[in-house]
Every structure is written in C-alpha cells, then in structure tokens.
C-alpha atoms as a PDB file:
ATOM      1  CA  UNK A   1      23.510 -14.357 -75.708  1.00  0.00           C
ATOM      2  CA  UNK A   2      21.046 -12.632 -77.914  1.00  0.00           C
ATOM      3  CA  UNK A   3      21.231 -11.869 -81.586  1.00  0.00           C
ATOM      4  CA  UNK A   4      23.688  -9.259 -82.800  1.00  0.00           C
ATOM      5  CA  UNK A   5      22.404  -5.809 -82.009  1.00  0.00           C
ATOM      6  CA  UNK A   6      19.848  -6.842 -79.390  1.00  0.00           C
ATOM      7  CA  UNK A   7      19.918  -5.491 -75.870  1.00  0.00           C
ATOM      8  CA  UNK A   8      20.514  -8.981 -74.415  1.00  0.00           C
ATOM      9  CA  UNK A   9      23.750  -9.224 -76.409  1.00  0.00           C
ATOM     10  CA  UNK A  10      25.428  -6.578 -74.252  1.00  0.00           C
ATOM     11  CA  UNK A  11      23.537  -7.003 -70.961  1.00  0.00           C
ATOM     12  CA  UNK A  12      26.446  -8.414 -68.950  1.00  0.00           C
ATOM     13  CA  UNK A  13      28.817  -5.601 -69.899  1.00  0.00           C
ATOM     14  CA  UNK A  14      26.156  -2.974 -69.241  1.00  0.00           C
ATOM     15  CA  UNK A  15      25.405  -4.484 -65.832  1.00  0.00           C
ATOM     16  CA  UNK A  16      29.091  -4.468 -64.899  1.00  0.00           C
ATOM     17  CA  UNK A  17      29.515  -0.857 -66.055  1.00  0.00           C
ATOM     18  CA  UNK A  18      26.461   0.232 -64.049  1.00  0.00           C
ATOM     19  CA  UNK A  19      27.793  -1.499 -60.923  1.00  0.00           C
ATOM     20  CA  UNK A  20      31.212   0.060 -61.492  1.00  0.00           C
ATOM     21  CA  UNK A  21      29.753   3.558 -61.717  1.00  0.00           C
ATOM     22  CA  UNK A  22      27.460   3.014 -58.737  1.00  0.00           C
ATOM     23  CA  UNK A  23      29.907   1.260 -56.395  1.00  0.00           C
ATOM     24  CA  UNK A  24      33.284   2.734 -57.342  1.00  0.00           C
ATOM     25  CA  UNK A  25      32.818   6.172 -58.853  1.00  0.00           C
ATOM     26  CA  UNK A  26      29.781   7.102 -56.728  1.00  0.00           C
ATOM     27  CA  UNK A  27      29.495  10.895 -57.024  1.00  0.00           C
ATOM     28  CA  UNK A  28      32.732  11.650 -58.892  1.00  0.00           C
ATOM     29  CA  UNK A  29      33.053  11.461 -62.673  1.00  0.00           C
ATOM     30  CA  UNK A  30      36.722  10.543 -62.941  1.00  0.00           C
ATOM     31  CA  UNK A  31      39.505   8.905 -60.964  1.00  0.00           C
ATOM     32  CA  UNK A  32      42.353  10.980 -59.558  1.00  0.00           C
ATOM     33  CA  UNK A  33      44.935   8.816 -61.344  1.00  0.00           C
ATOM     34  CA  UNK A  34      45.381   5.479 -63.097  1.00  0.00           C
ATOM     35  CA  UNK A  35      46.702   3.673 -60.009  1.00  0.00           C
ATOM     36  CA  UNK A  36      43.625   4.567 -57.955  1.00  0.00           C
ATOM     37  CA  UNK A  37      41.410   3.514 -60.840  1.00  0.00           C
ATOM     38  CA  UNK A  38      43.032   0.071 -61.090  1.00  0.00           C
ATOM     39  CA  UNK A  39      42.942  -0.428 -57.321  1.00  0.00           C
ATOM     40  CA  UNK A  40      39.267   0.465 -56.986  1.00  0.00           C
ATOM     41  CA  UNK A  41      38.166  -1.594 -59.989  1.00  0.00           C
ATOM     42  CA  UNK A  42      40.066  -4.647 -58.718  1.00  0.00           C
ATOM     43  CA  UNK A  43      38.461  -4.229 -55.290  1.00  0.00           C
ATOM     44  CA  UNK A  44      35.035  -4.282 -56.938  1.00  0.00           C
ATOM     45  CA  UNK A  45      35.857  -7.349 -59.034  1.00  0.00           C
ATOM     46  CA  UNK A  46      37.148  -9.246 -56.004  1.00  0.00           C
ATOM     47  CA  UNK A  47      34.095  -8.251 -53.963  1.00  0.00           C
ATOM     48  CA  UNK A  48      31.667  -9.392 -56.665  1.00  0.00           C
ATOM     49  CA  UNK A  49      33.500 -12.588 -57.618  1.00  0.00           C
ATOM     50  CA  UNK A  50      34.284 -14.067 -54.234  1.00  0.00           C
ATOM     51  CA  UNK A  51      36.639 -17.014 -54.688  1.00  0.00           C
ATOM     52  CA  UNK A  52      36.938 -17.764 -50.964  1.00  0.00           C
ATOM     53  CA  UNK A  53      33.324 -18.132 -49.832  1.00  0.00           C
ATOM     54  CA  UNK A  54      32.126 -21.744 -49.713  1.00  0.00           C
ATOM     55  CA  UNK A  55      29.290 -22.796 -52.007  1.00  0.00           C
ATOM     56  CA  UNK A  56      26.820 -25.669 -51.772  1.00  0.00           C
ATOM     57  CA  UNK A  57      27.161 -26.554 -55.475  1.00  0.00           C
ATOM     58  CA  UNK A  58      30.799 -27.554 -54.963  1.00  0.00           C
ATOM     59  CA  UNK A  59      30.348 -29.532 -51.743  1.00  0.00           C
ATOM     60  CA  UNK A  60      30.888 -26.490 -49.511  1.00  0.00           C
ATOM     61  CA  UNK A  61      34.399 -25.860 -50.744  1.00  0.00           C
ATOM     62  CA  UNK A  62      35.693 -22.513 -51.875  1.00  0.00           C
ATOM     63  CA  UNK A  63      35.541 -22.329 -55.700  1.00  0.00           C
ATOM     64  CA  UNK A  64      39.329 -21.990 -55.917  1.00  0.00           C
ATOM     65  CA  UNK A  65      39.873 -25.134 -53.812  1.00  0.00           C
ATOM     66  CA  UNK A  66      37.234 -27.038 -55.797  1.00  0.00           C
ATOM     67  CA  UNK A  67      38.920 -26.172 -59.101  1.00  0.00           C
ATOM     68  CA  UNK A  68      42.367 -27.092 -57.762  1.00  0.00           C
ATOM     69  CA  UNK A  69      41.109 -30.526 -56.711  1.00  0.00           C
ATOM     70  CA  UNK A  70      39.144 -31.200 -59.888  1.00  0.00           C
ATOM     71  CA  UNK A  71      40.850 -29.771 -62.953  1.00  0.00           C
ATOM     72  CA  UNK A  72      38.613 -29.166 -65.907  1.00  0.00           C
ATOM     73  CA  UNK A  73      38.955 -31.909 -68.507  1.00  0.00           C
ATOM     74  CA  UNK A  74      36.985 -31.727 -71.706  1.00  0.00           C
ATOM     75  CA  UNK A  75      35.875 -35.036 -73.152  1.00  0.00           C
ATOM     76  CA  UNK A  76      36.006 -35.337 -76.912  1.00  0.00           C
ATOM     77  CA  UNK A  77      32.743 -36.210 -78.592  1.00  0.00           C
ATOM     78  CA  UNK A  78      32.937 -38.842 -81.304  1.00  0.00           C
END
C-alpha cells in the first residue's frame, strides 16, 4: 500500500476494474439487467481466483483443500 492519495494506494482496485471492463463488458457500456451483471462478474472472479488448480507453494494441493487441512491460527506475540 502506498501513502494516501498516491497511485499505488488504489492500484489493485483499478486493475480489477480494468479487467472487468475488458473481459466482461467488452464493447457494451452497460449490462442488460442486474442478474446478468452479477452472473458475469462472478464468472470473472472465479476465473481469476482459481480455488481448484493445484499450486506448488501448498504441496500441489488445491488452495481450498490446503486451507481446510491447515486452518489459519494466529500466534500471539508477547
């Protein structure tokens, strides 16, 4: 994260919005209705954030399986 007001502060949101416009809206400026909008945005999110594909960083398990087997536990710092 950058300082307040810098371009790095909002880079993730801007990147997502650009991908949304490019991949989902394509040539149209609006969605036909709210249901189509939700469906298409969820398709994009699921395509970008694949929870099924196996990754080397988690011993070639799908991220969902890895997280189910190893729940996140925060250790308190004394």
